[in-house]
Amino acid sequence: MREFIVLGHDAPTDADFSLDSLPNAGRLDLLCRCVGSSLFLSHDIRDAVQVHLVLRDELTVRFDSRTLRNARPDERNLAGLVRNALDHKNEAIGHREAEPSPGVHISKRGLEPTLDRISDRATVVQLHEAGRPLADAEPPEHPAFVLSDHNDFTPDETDRIQQHADQRVRVGPHAIHADHTIAVANNYLDTDAYTTY
């Protein structure tokens, strides 16, 4: 299993946004590209990947590739699944998730409870341009990569992540888009740290 936790600082927490203007919906376009980079291969879907979109530290929309249905790698389709999840957020009670469509879950968890839940089962790895090179790190058996959207981590988020993170790594010498960072991290895992092709 591999997991990706993506912080959406400006993302919508209600379903009243247009699928025709995703950049204006708190950069939901970028978050959907992160979901696509995490889950999809060419003409296939990865076997065991979960993506947690933490929206404004209020809600988490979780995609699970093992049970996901009706998903395509285009932003509009994935944003529609997010919108549908947000439309059912009242079905999530406390931290208990609701599953409004197969493989798409929503909970009233922010960053801290999401990290608490995941760190019990996974090696938490913060993806950050100030970390050590990814190629120097041993691939965890069950990694959970944490990264931010188009905004930097806030000081408070950095503190909370560092309390849970086992490692802090960077994928290259330059800051790149979050969805590209996920593609690099997936390739790193697919190749067993660039040793097997």
N, C-alpha and C. Protein backbone atom coordinates (compact mmCIF):
# COMPACT_ATOMS: atom_id res chain seq x y z
N MET A 1 0.85 -1.19 0.00
CA MET A 1 0.00 0.00 0.00
C MET A 1 0.89 1.23 0.00
N ARG A 2 0.49 2.22 -0.77
CA ARG A 2 1.09 3.54 -0.70
C ARG A 2 -0.02 4.58 -0.59
N GLU A 3 0.28 5.65 0.14
CA GLU A 3 -0.73 6.67 0.38
C GLU A 3 -0.15 8.05 0.12
N PHE A 4 -1.02 8.96 -0.27
CA PHE A 4 -0.65 10.35 -0.51
C PHE A 4 -1.65 11.23 0.23
N ILE A 5 -1.13 12.16 1.01
CA ILE A 5 -1.95 13.11 1.75
C ILE A 5 -1.65 14.48 1.16
N VAL A 6 -2.66 15.11 0.59
CA VAL A 6 -2.46 16.39 -0.10
C VAL A 6 -3.30 17.44 0.61
N LEU A 7 -2.64 18.52 1.04
CA LEU A 7 -3.34 19.60 1.72
C LEU A 7 -3.88 20.58 0.69
N GLY A 8 -5.19 20.81 0.75
CA GLY A 8 -5.84 21.78 -0.12
C GLY A 8 -6.25 22.99 0.71
N HIS A 9 -5.40 24.01 0.71
CA HIS A 9 -5.61 25.16 1.60
C HIS A 9 -6.83 26.00 1.23
N ASP A 10 -7.10 26.13 -0.06
CA ASP A 10 -8.19 26.99 -0.52
C ASP A 10 -9.35 26.19 -1.12
N ALA A 11 -9.30 24.89 -0.99
CA ALA A 11 -10.26 24.01 -1.66
C ALA A 11 -11.67 24.21 -1.12
N PRO A 12 -12.67 23.95 -1.93
CA PRO A 12 -14.06 24.08 -1.46
C PRO A 12 -14.39 23.00 -0.43
N THR A 13 -15.25 23.35 0.50
CA THR A 13 -15.76 22.38 1.46
C THR A 13 -17.27 22.20 1.30
N ASP A 14 -17.82 22.84 0.28
CA ASP A 14 -19.22 22.66 -0.09
C ASP A 14 -19.27 22.31 -1.58
N ALA A 15 -20.39 21.75 -1.99
CA ALA A 15 -20.53 21.25 -3.36
C ALA A 15 -20.99 22.32 -4.34
N ASP A 16 -20.99 23.59 -3.95
CA ASP A 16 -21.55 24.63 -4.81
C ASP A 16 -20.48 25.29 -5.69
N PHE A 17 -19.69 24.49 -6.37
CA PHE A 17 -18.70 25.03 -7.30
C PHE A 17 -18.96 24.47 -8.69
N SER A 18 -18.46 25.18 -9.69
CA SER A 18 -18.69 24.77 -11.07
C SER A 18 -17.57 23.86 -11.55
N LEU A 19 -17.92 22.80 -12.23
CA LEU A 19 -16.92 21.92 -12.86
C LEU A 19 -16.27 22.59 -14.06
N ASP A 20 -16.81 23.73 -14.50
CA ASP A 20 -16.25 24.44 -15.65
C ASP A 20 -15.18 25.45 -15.25
N SER A 21 -14.93 25.62 -13.96
CA SER A 21 -13.95 26.61 -13.51
C SER A 21 -13.20 26.08 -12.29
N LEU A 22 -12.52 24.97 -12.44
CA LEU A 22 -11.86 24.32 -11.31
C LEU A 22 -10.71 25.13 -10.72
N PRO A 23 -9.92 25.86 -11.54
CA PRO A 23 -8.87 26.69 -10.91
C PRO A 23 -9.45 27.73 -9.97
N ASN A 24 -10.65 28.22 -10.27
CA ASN A 24 -11.29 29.22 -9.41
C ASN A 24 -12.00 28.59 -8.22
N ALA A 25 -12.00 27.28 -8.15
CA ALA A 25 -12.59 26.56 -7.01
C ALA A 25 -11.46 26.13 -6.08
N GLY A 26 -10.67 27.09 -5.61
CA GLY A 26 -9.60 26.79 -4.67
C GLY A 26 -8.53 25.88 -5.21
N ARG A 27 -8.27 26.00 -6.52
CA ARG A 27 -7.27 25.17 -7.21
C ARG A 27 -7.60 23.67 -7.11
N LEU A 28 -8.90 23.39 -7.23
CA LEU A 28 -9.32 21.99 -7.25
C LEU A 28 -8.77 21.27 -8.46
N ASP A 29 -8.43 22.00 -9.52
CA ASP A 29 -7.81 21.38 -10.68
C ASP A 29 -6.51 20.69 -10.30
N LEU A 30 -5.69 21.36 -9.49
CA LEU A 30 -4.42 20.79 -9.05
C LEU A 30 -4.64 19.59 -8.15
N LEU A 31 -5.59 19.68 -7.24
CA LEU A 31 -5.86 18.55 -6.36
C LEU A 31 -6.32 17.33 -7.16
N CYS A 32 -7.12 17.56 -8.19
CA CYS A 32 -7.59 16.44 -9.02
C CYS A 32 -6.43 15.85 -9.83
N ARG A 33 -5.52 16.69 -10.28
CA ARG A 33 -4.33 16.16 -10.96
C ARG A 33 -3.49 15.32 -10.00
N CYS A 34 -3.45 15.71 -8.73
CA CYS A 34 -2.75 14.91 -7.73
C CYS A 34 -3.40 13.54 -7.56
N VAL A 35 -4.73 13.52 -7.55
CA VAL A 35 -5.43 12.24 -7.46
C VAL A 35 -5.10 11.38 -8.68
N GLY A 36 -5.15 11.99 -9.86
CA GLY A 36 -4.84 11.24 -11.08
C GLY A 36 -3.43 10.70 -11.09
N SER A 37 -2.46 11.52 -10.69
CA SER A 37 -1.06 11.07 -10.67
C SER A 37 -0.84 9.96 -9.66
N SER A 38 -1.61 9.98 -8.59
CA SER A 38 -1.48 8.96 -7.56
C SER A 38 -2.05 7.62 -7.99
N LEU A 39 -3.21 7.65 -8.64
CA LEU A 39 -3.98 6.43 -8.86
C LEU A 39 -3.79 5.76 -10.21
N PHE A 40 -3.56 6.55 -11.26
CA PHE A 40 -3.69 6.00 -12.60
C PHE A 40 -2.37 5.69 -13.27
N LEU A 41 -2.37 4.56 -13.99
CA LEU A 41 -1.34 4.20 -14.94
C LEU A 41 -1.91 4.42 -16.33
N SER A 42 -1.12 4.22 -17.36
CA SER A 42 -1.65 4.29 -18.71
C SER A 42 -2.62 3.12 -18.92
N HIS A 43 -3.88 3.43 -19.14
CA HIS A 43 -4.93 2.42 -19.38
C HIS A 43 -5.12 1.46 -18.20
N ASP A 44 -4.83 1.91 -16.99
CA ASP A 44 -5.00 1.04 -15.83
C ASP A 44 -5.04 1.90 -14.56
N ILE A 45 -5.34 1.25 -13.46
CA ILE A 45 -5.35 1.91 -12.16
C ILE A 45 -4.43 1.12 -11.23
N ARG A 46 -3.74 1.80 -10.36
CA ARG A 46 -2.82 1.14 -9.45
C ARG A 46 -3.59 0.26 -8.46
N ASP A 47 -2.94 -0.81 -8.01
CA ASP A 47 -3.61 -1.81 -7.18
C ASP A 47 -3.98 -1.33 -5.78
N ALA A 48 -3.07 -0.71 -5.08
CA ALA A 48 -3.30 -0.42 -3.66
C ALA A 48 -2.77 0.96 -3.32
N VAL A 49 -3.54 1.98 -3.67
CA VAL A 49 -3.17 3.37 -3.40
C VAL A 49 -4.37 4.08 -2.78
N GLN A 50 -4.08 4.88 -1.77
CA GLN A 50 -5.10 5.75 -1.21
C GLN A 50 -4.60 7.19 -1.29
N VAL A 51 -5.51 8.09 -1.64
CA VAL A 51 -5.22 9.51 -1.70
C VAL A 51 -6.17 10.21 -0.73
N HIS A 52 -5.61 11.04 0.13
CA HIS A 52 -6.39 11.77 1.13
C HIS A 52 -6.27 13.26 0.79
N LEU A 53 -7.35 13.86 0.35
CA LEU A 53 -7.37 15.31 0.11
C LEU A 53 -7.89 15.97 1.38
N VAL A 54 -7.01 16.67 2.08
CA VAL A 54 -7.40 17.36 3.31
C VAL A 54 -7.80 18.78 2.92
N LEU A 55 -9.09 19.06 2.99
CA LEU A 55 -9.64 20.31 2.49
C LEU A 55 -9.80 21.32 3.62
N ARG A 56 -8.99 22.38 3.57
CA ARG A 56 -9.04 23.49 4.54
C ARG A 56 -8.96 23.02 5.99
N ASP A 57 -8.31 21.89 6.21
CA ASP A 57 -8.14 21.36 7.56
C ASP A 57 -9.48 21.07 8.23
N GLU A 58 -10.52 20.83 7.39
CA GLU A 58 -11.86 20.56 7.92
C GLU A 58 -12.39 19.19 7.53
N LEU A 59 -12.18 18.84 6.26
CA LEU A 59 -12.72 17.60 5.71
C LEU A 59 -11.61 16.84 5.00
N THR A 60 -11.77 15.53 4.91
CA THR A 60 -10.86 14.72 4.11
C THR A 60 -11.67 13.86 3.15
N VAL A 61 -11.36 14.00 1.87
CA VAL A 61 -11.94 13.13 0.84
C VAL A 61 -10.88 12.09 0.50
N ARG A 62 -11.22 10.83 0.69
CA ARG A 62 -10.27 9.73 0.49
C ARG A 62 -10.67 8.89 -0.72
N PHE A 63 -9.72 8.71 -1.64
CA PHE A 63 -9.90 7.83 -2.80
C PHE A 63 -9.13 6.55 -2.52
N ASP A 64 -9.75 5.40 -2.76
CA ASP A 64 -9.12 4.10 -2.56
C ASP A 64 -9.16 3.33 -3.87
N SER A 65 -7.99 3.10 -4.46
CA SER A 65 -7.94 2.46 -5.78
C SER A 65 -8.50 1.04 -5.77
N ARG A 66 -8.53 0.39 -4.62
CA ARG A 66 -8.98 -1.00 -4.56
C ARG A 66 -10.47 -1.15 -4.80
N THR A 67 -11.23 -0.10 -4.49
CA THR A 67 -12.69 -0.19 -4.63
C THR A 67 -13.26 0.91 -5.52
N LEU A 68 -12.38 1.75 -6.07
CA LEU A 68 -12.82 2.90 -6.86
C LEU A 68 -13.52 2.46 -8.14
N ARG A 69 -14.64 3.10 -8.43
CA ARG A 69 -15.41 2.84 -9.65
C ARG A 69 -15.79 4.18 -10.29
N ASN A 70 -16.04 4.14 -11.58
CA ASN A 70 -16.54 5.32 -12.31
C ASN A 70 -15.58 6.50 -12.28
N ALA A 71 -14.29 6.22 -12.18
CA ALA A 71 -13.29 7.29 -12.15
C ALA A 71 -12.45 7.24 -13.41
N ARG A 72 -12.19 8.41 -13.94
CA ARG A 72 -11.30 8.55 -15.09
C ARG A 72 -10.23 9.57 -14.73
N PRO A 73 -9.10 9.58 -15.41
CA PRO A 73 -8.02 10.45 -14.98
C PRO A 73 -8.16 11.92 -15.36
N ASP A 74 -9.30 12.33 -15.90
CA ASP A 74 -9.43 13.75 -16.24
C ASP A 74 -9.93 14.54 -15.04
N GLU A 75 -9.51 15.79 -14.96
CA GLU A 75 -9.82 16.64 -13.81
C GLU A 75 -11.32 16.78 -13.58
N ARG A 76 -12.08 16.94 -14.64
CA ARG A 76 -13.52 17.18 -14.48
C ARG A 76 -14.21 15.98 -13.84
N ASN A 77 -13.87 14.77 -14.29
CA ASN A 77 -14.46 13.57 -13.70
C ASN A 77 -14.11 13.46 -12.23
N LEU A 78 -12.84 13.65 -11.89
CA LEU A 78 -12.41 13.53 -10.50
C LEU A 78 -13.03 14.63 -9.64
N ALA A 79 -13.13 15.84 -10.19
CA ALA A 79 -13.78 16.93 -9.45
C ALA A 79 -15.25 16.62 -9.21
N GLY A 80 -15.88 15.95 -10.16
CA GLY A 80 -17.27 15.53 -9.96
C GLY A 80 -17.41 14.56 -8.80
N LEU A 81 -16.42 13.65 -8.66
CA LEU A 81 -16.45 12.73 -7.53
C LEU A 81 -16.23 13.46 -6.21
N VAL A 82 -15.34 14.47 -6.22
CA VAL A 82 -15.13 15.28 -5.02
C VAL A 82 -16.42 16.04 -4.69
N ARG A 83 -17.04 16.64 -5.70
CA ARG A 83 -18.27 17.41 -5.47
C ARG A 83 -19.36 16.51 -4.91
N ASN A 84 -19.48 15.31 -5.45
CA ASN A 84 -20.47 14.37 -4.94
C ASN A 84 -20.18 14.02 -3.49
N ALA A 85 -18.91 13.82 -3.15
CA ALA A 85 -18.54 13.52 -1.76
C ALA A 85 -18.92 14.69 -0.85
N LEU A 86 -18.63 15.91 -1.29
CA LEU A 86 -18.97 17.08 -0.48
C LEU A 86 -20.48 17.23 -0.30
N ASP A 87 -21.22 16.81 -1.31
CA ASP A 87 -22.67 16.87 -1.23
C ASP A 87 -23.22 15.92 -0.17
N HIS A 88 -22.40 14.92 0.22
CA HIS A 88 -22.82 13.92 1.21
C HIS A 88 -22.06 14.07 2.53
N LYS A 89 -21.43 15.21 2.76
CA LYS A 89 -20.59 15.34 3.96
C LYS A 89 -21.39 15.21 5.25
N ASN A 90 -22.67 15.53 5.23
CA ASN A 90 -23.47 15.41 6.45
C ASN A 90 -23.73 13.96 6.84
N GLU A 91 -23.44 13.03 5.94
CA GLU A 91 -23.57 11.61 6.27
C GLU A 91 -22.36 11.11 7.06
N ALA A 92 -21.28 11.89 7.06
CA ALA A 92 -20.10 11.54 7.86
C ALA A 92 -20.33 12.04 9.28
N ILE A 93 -20.26 11.13 10.23
CA ILE A 93 -20.53 11.46 11.62
C ILE A 93 -19.20 11.48 12.38
N GLY A 94 -18.83 12.66 12.89
CA GLY A 94 -17.54 12.77 13.56
C GLY A 94 -16.43 12.38 12.60
N HIS A 95 -15.58 11.47 13.04
CA HIS A 95 -14.49 11.00 12.18
C HIS A 95 -14.89 9.77 11.36
N ARG A 96 -16.12 9.29 11.55
CA ARG A 96 -16.58 8.13 10.77
C ARG A 96 -16.87 8.57 9.34
N GLU A 97 -16.35 7.83 8.39
CA GLU A 97 -16.50 8.20 6.99
C GLU A 97 -17.87 7.83 6.44
N ALA A 98 -18.24 8.56 5.40
CA ALA A 98 -19.34 8.17 4.52
C ALA A 98 -18.71 7.80 3.18
N GLU A 99 -19.37 6.91 2.44
CA GLU A 99 -18.88 6.49 1.12
C GLU A 99 -19.97 6.75 0.08
N PRO A 100 -20.04 7.99 -0.42
CA PRO A 100 -21.12 8.34 -1.35
C PRO A 100 -21.00 7.69 -2.72
N SER A 101 -19.81 7.25 -3.10
CA SER A 101 -19.66 6.48 -4.33
C SER A 101 -18.52 5.48 -4.11
N PRO A 102 -18.51 4.38 -4.86
CA PRO A 102 -17.53 3.33 -4.59
C PRO A 102 -16.09 3.84 -4.63
N GLY A 103 -15.39 3.65 -3.52
CA GLY A 103 -13.99 4.02 -3.43
C GLY A 103 -13.73 5.48 -3.12
N VAL A 104 -14.79 6.28 -2.90
CA VAL A 104 -14.63 7.69 -2.54
C VAL A 104 -15.32 7.91 -1.20
N HIS A 105 -14.55 8.32 -0.21
CA HIS A 105 -15.03 8.46 1.15
C HIS A 105 -14.87 9.91 1.59
N ILE A 106 -15.68 10.33 2.53
CA ILE A 106 -15.54 11.67 3.11
C ILE A 106 -15.69 11.56 4.61
N SER A 107 -14.85 12.33 5.31
CA SER A 107 -14.93 12.38 6.77
C SER A 107 -14.71 13.80 7.24
N LYS A 108 -15.10 14.06 8.47
CA LYS A 108 -14.88 15.38 9.07
C LYS A 108 -13.57 15.35 9.85
N ARG A 109 -12.53 14.96 9.14
CA ARG A 109 -11.19 14.93 9.70
C ARG A 109 -10.36 16.03 9.05
N GLY A 110 -9.61 16.75 9.86
CA GLY A 110 -8.62 17.67 9.33
C GLY A 110 -7.27 16.98 9.26
N LEU A 111 -6.22 17.77 9.22
CA LEU A 111 -4.87 17.22 9.07
C LEU A 111 -4.46 16.34 10.23
N GLU A 112 -4.63 16.84 11.45
CA GLU A 112 -4.14 16.10 12.62
C GLU A 112 -4.77 14.71 12.76
N PRO A 113 -6.10 14.59 12.74
CA PRO A 113 -6.67 13.24 12.85
C PRO A 113 -6.36 12.35 11.65
N THR A 114 -6.19 12.95 10.48
CA THR A 114 -5.79 12.14 9.31
C THR A 114 -4.39 11.58 9.51
N LEU A 115 -3.46 12.42 9.97
CA LEU A 115 -2.11 11.94 10.25
C LEU A 115 -2.10 10.92 11.37
N ASP A 116 -2.89 11.15 12.41
CA ASP A 116 -2.96 10.19 13.52
C ASP A 116 -3.37 8.82 13.01
N ARG A 117 -4.38 8.81 12.18
CA ARG A 117 -4.91 7.54 11.67
C ARG A 117 -3.90 6.82 10.78
N ILE A 118 -3.24 7.58 9.92
CA ILE A 118 -2.33 6.97 8.95
C ILE A 118 -1.00 6.57 9.58
N SER A 119 -0.50 7.37 10.52
CA SER A 119 0.82 7.09 11.09
C SER A 119 0.84 5.81 11.91
N ASP A 120 -0.31 5.30 12.30
CA ASP A 120 -0.37 4.02 13.00
C ASP A 120 -0.01 2.84 12.10
N ARG A 121 -0.16 3.02 10.79
CA ARG A 121 0.05 1.88 9.89
C ARG A 121 1.11 2.13 8.83
N ALA A 122 1.57 3.37 8.70
CA ALA A 122 2.45 3.71 7.58
C ALA A 122 3.66 4.52 8.04
N THR A 123 4.66 4.56 7.18
CA THR A 123 5.82 5.44 7.37
C THR A 123 5.48 6.77 6.72
N VAL A 124 5.35 7.82 7.52
CA VAL A 124 4.96 9.13 7.01
C VAL A 124 6.21 9.83 6.47
N VAL A 125 6.11 10.26 5.22
CA VAL A 125 7.22 10.92 4.53
C VAL A 125 6.74 12.28 4.05
N GLN A 126 7.33 13.35 4.57
CA GLN A 126 6.98 14.68 4.09
C GLN A 126 7.77 14.98 2.82
N LEU A 127 7.06 15.34 1.76
CA LEU A 127 7.69 15.77 0.51
C LEU A 127 7.84 17.28 0.58
N HIS A 128 9.09 17.72 0.60
CA HIS A 128 9.36 19.15 0.80
C HIS A 128 10.68 19.50 0.14
N GLU A 129 10.73 20.67 -0.50
CA GLU A 129 11.92 21.05 -1.25
C GLU A 129 13.15 21.22 -0.36
N ALA A 130 12.96 21.28 0.97
CA ALA A 130 14.11 21.41 1.88
C ALA A 130 14.55 20.06 2.46
N GLY A 131 13.94 18.96 2.01
CA GLY A 131 14.29 17.65 2.54
C GLY A 131 15.55 17.09 1.90
N ARG A 132 15.97 15.91 2.37
CA ARG A 132 17.13 15.25 1.76
C ARG A 132 16.70 14.59 0.46
N PRO A 133 17.63 14.29 -0.44
CA PRO A 133 17.26 13.73 -1.73
C PRO A 133 16.50 12.40 -1.61
N LEU A 134 15.45 12.28 -2.35
CA LEU A 134 14.64 11.06 -2.35
C LEU A 134 15.47 9.84 -2.69
N ALA A 135 16.40 9.98 -3.63
CA ALA A 135 17.21 8.84 -4.06
C ALA A 135 18.09 8.30 -2.95
N ASP A 136 18.34 9.09 -1.90
CA ASP A 136 19.17 8.64 -0.78
C ASP A 136 18.36 7.92 0.29
N ALA A 137 17.04 7.89 0.14
CA ALA A 137 16.17 7.30 1.16
C ALA A 137 15.80 5.87 0.77
N GLU A 138 15.71 5.01 1.76
CA GLU A 138 15.26 3.64 1.54
C GLU A 138 13.74 3.64 1.36
N PRO A 139 13.22 2.98 0.31
CA PRO A 139 11.76 2.99 0.12
C PRO A 139 11.03 2.28 1.27
N PRO A 140 10.12 2.95 1.93
CA PRO A 140 9.34 2.29 2.99
C PRO A 140 8.42 1.23 2.40
N GLU A 141 8.11 0.24 3.21
CA GLU A 141 7.18 -0.81 2.76
C GLU A 141 5.78 -0.24 2.57
N HIS A 142 5.36 0.64 3.46
CA HIS A 142 4.04 1.28 3.36
C HIS A 142 4.23 2.78 3.58
N PRO A 143 4.57 3.51 2.52
CA PRO A 143 4.79 4.95 2.67
C PRO A 143 3.48 5.74 2.61
N ALA A 144 3.47 6.84 3.34
CA ALA A 144 2.39 7.82 3.25
C ALA A 144 3.05 9.17 3.03
N PHE A 145 3.03 9.66 1.80
CA PHE A 145 3.68 10.91 1.44
C PHE A 145 2.75 12.08 1.72
N VAL A 146 3.26 13.10 2.38
CA VAL A 146 2.48 14.30 2.70
C VAL A 146 3.04 15.46 1.88
N LEU A 147 2.15 16.16 1.17
CA LEU A 147 2.59 17.31 0.39
C LEU A 147 1.50 18.36 0.35
N SER A 148 1.90 19.56 -0.05
CA SER A 148 0.97 20.68 -0.08
C SER A 148 0.55 20.98 -1.51
N ASP A 149 -0.49 21.76 -1.64
CA ASP A 149 -0.96 22.18 -2.96
C ASP A 149 -0.04 23.27 -3.50
N HIS A 150 -0.57 24.31 -4.08
CA HIS A 150 0.24 25.40 -4.62
C HIS A 150 0.76 26.35 -3.55
N ASN A 151 0.31 26.15 -2.31
CA ASN A 151 0.78 26.96 -1.18
C ASN A 151 1.81 26.18 -0.38
N ASP A 152 2.69 26.91 0.28
CA ASP A 152 3.63 26.27 1.20
C ASP A 152 2.89 25.76 2.43
N PHE A 153 3.51 24.80 3.13
CA PHE A 153 3.00 24.41 4.43
C PHE A 153 3.06 25.61 5.37
N THR A 154 2.03 25.79 6.18
CA THR A 154 2.09 26.84 7.20
C THR A 154 3.03 26.37 8.32
N PRO A 155 3.52 27.28 9.15
CA PRO A 155 4.36 26.85 10.28
C PRO A 155 3.64 25.84 11.17
N ASP A 156 2.34 26.04 11.41
CA ASP A 156 1.59 25.10 12.24
C ASP A 156 1.50 23.72 11.58
N GLU A 157 1.24 23.70 10.27
CA GLU A 157 1.19 22.42 9.55
C GLU A 157 2.55 21.73 9.60
N THR A 158 3.61 22.50 9.41
CA THR A 158 4.96 21.93 9.45
C THR A 158 5.21 21.26 10.80
N ASP A 159 4.83 21.94 11.88
CA ASP A 159 5.01 21.37 13.22
C ASP A 159 4.23 20.07 13.38
N ARG A 160 2.98 20.08 12.93
CA ARG A 160 2.14 18.88 13.09
C ARG A 160 2.65 17.73 12.24
N ILE A 161 3.08 18.03 11.03
CA ILE A 161 3.61 16.97 10.16
C ILE A 161 4.89 16.41 10.73
N GLN A 162 5.77 17.28 11.23
CA GLN A 162 7.04 16.81 11.78
C GLN A 162 6.85 15.93 13.00
N GLN A 163 5.76 16.11 13.73
CA GLN A 163 5.47 15.23 14.87
C GLN A 163 5.14 13.81 14.42
N HIS A 164 4.68 13.66 13.17
CA HIS A 164 4.30 12.34 12.66
C HIS A 164 5.28 11.78 11.64
N ALA A 165 6.05 12.65 11.00
CA ALA A 165 6.88 12.23 9.86
C ALA A 165 8.12 11.47 10.33
N ASP A 166 8.39 10.38 9.62
CA ASP A 166 9.60 9.61 9.84
C ASP A 166 10.75 10.12 8.98
N GLN A 167 10.40 10.76 7.84
CA GLN A 167 11.40 11.26 6.91
C GLN A 167 10.90 12.56 6.27
N ARG A 168 11.85 13.36 5.77
CA ARG A 168 11.52 14.56 4.99
C ARG A 168 12.43 14.54 3.78
N VAL A 169 11.83 14.43 2.59
CA VAL A 169 12.64 14.26 1.38
C VAL A 169 12.19 15.23 0.29
N ARG A 170 13.07 15.44 -0.67
CA ARG A 170 12.75 16.23 -1.86
C ARG A 170 12.97 15.35 -3.07
N VAL A 171 12.23 15.62 -4.14
CA VAL A 171 12.30 14.78 -5.33
C VAL A 171 13.31 15.27 -6.35
N GLY A 172 13.84 16.47 -6.17
CA GLY A 172 14.81 17.01 -7.13
C GLY A 172 15.31 18.36 -6.68
N PRO A 173 16.16 18.98 -7.50
CA PRO A 173 16.79 20.24 -7.12
C PRO A 173 15.87 21.45 -7.26
N HIS A 174 14.74 21.29 -7.94
CA HIS A 174 13.83 22.41 -8.16
C HIS A 174 12.45 22.08 -7.61
N ALA A 175 11.74 23.09 -7.16
CA ALA A 175 10.34 22.91 -6.75
C ALA A 175 9.50 22.66 -7.99
N ILE A 176 8.70 21.60 -7.96
CA ILE A 176 7.83 21.26 -9.10
C ILE A 176 6.40 21.15 -8.59
N HIS A 177 5.46 21.06 -9.52
CA HIS A 177 4.05 20.98 -9.16
C HIS A 177 3.79 19.73 -8.33
N ALA A 178 2.77 19.81 -7.48
CA ALA A 178 2.46 18.71 -6.57
C ALA A 178 2.15 17.42 -7.33
N ASP A 179 1.40 17.51 -8.42
CA ASP A 179 1.06 16.29 -9.16
C ASP A 179 2.30 15.67 -9.81
N HIS A 180 3.25 16.49 -10.24
CA HIS A 180 4.50 15.97 -10.80
C HIS A 180 5.34 15.32 -9.70
N THR A 181 5.31 15.91 -8.51
CA THR A 181 6.03 15.34 -7.38
C THR A 181 5.50 13.94 -7.07
N ILE A 182 4.19 13.77 -7.14
CA ILE A 182 3.60 12.45 -6.89
C ILE A 182 4.04 11.46 -7.96
N ALA A 183 4.09 11.90 -9.22
CA ALA A 183 4.55 11.00 -10.29
C ALA A 183 5.98 10.55 -10.04
N VAL A 184 6.84 11.47 -9.60
CA VAL A 184 8.24 11.10 -9.29
C VAL A 184 8.27 10.12 -8.12
N ALA A 185 7.49 10.37 -7.07
CA ALA A 185 7.46 9.47 -5.92
C ALA A 185 6.96 8.08 -6.32
N ASN A 186 5.95 8.02 -7.17
CA ASN A 186 5.47 6.72 -7.64
C ASN A 186 6.54 5.99 -8.43
N ASN A 187 7.26 6.71 -9.28
CA ASN A 187 8.34 6.08 -10.05
C ASN A 187 9.44 5.57 -9.14
N TYR A 188 9.77 6.33 -8.12
CA TYR A 188 10.77 5.92 -7.12
C TYR A 188 10.35 4.59 -6.47
N LEU A 189 9.07 4.46 -6.12
CA LEU A 189 8.59 3.23 -5.52
C LEU A 189 8.50 2.10 -6.54
N ASP A 190 8.01 2.42 -7.75
CA ASP A 190 7.87 1.40 -8.80
C ASP A 190 9.21 0.74 -9.15
N THR A 191 10.28 1.53 -9.06
CA THR A 191 11.61 1.05 -9.46
C THR A 191 12.47 0.63 -8.29
N ASP A 192 11.87 0.52 -7.09
CA ASP A 192 12.62 0.19 -5.87
C ASP A 192 13.81 1.12 -5.73
N ALA A 193 13.52 2.41 -5.67
CA ALA A 193 14.53 3.47 -5.53
C ALA A 193 15.48 3.49 -6.73
N TYR A 194 14.91 3.41 -7.91
CA TYR A 194 15.63 3.54 -9.18
C TYR A 194 16.64 2.41 -9.41
N THR A 195 16.36 1.24 -8.88
CA THR A 195 17.29 0.11 -9.06
C THR A 195 16.73 -0.98 -9.96
N THR A 196 15.41 -1.01 -10.16
CA THR A 196 14.78 -2.09 -10.93
C THR A 196 13.88 -1.50 -12.00
N TYR A 197 14.15 -1.86 -13.26
CA TYR A 197 13.33 -1.36 -14.37
C TYR A 197 12.83 -2.52 -15.20
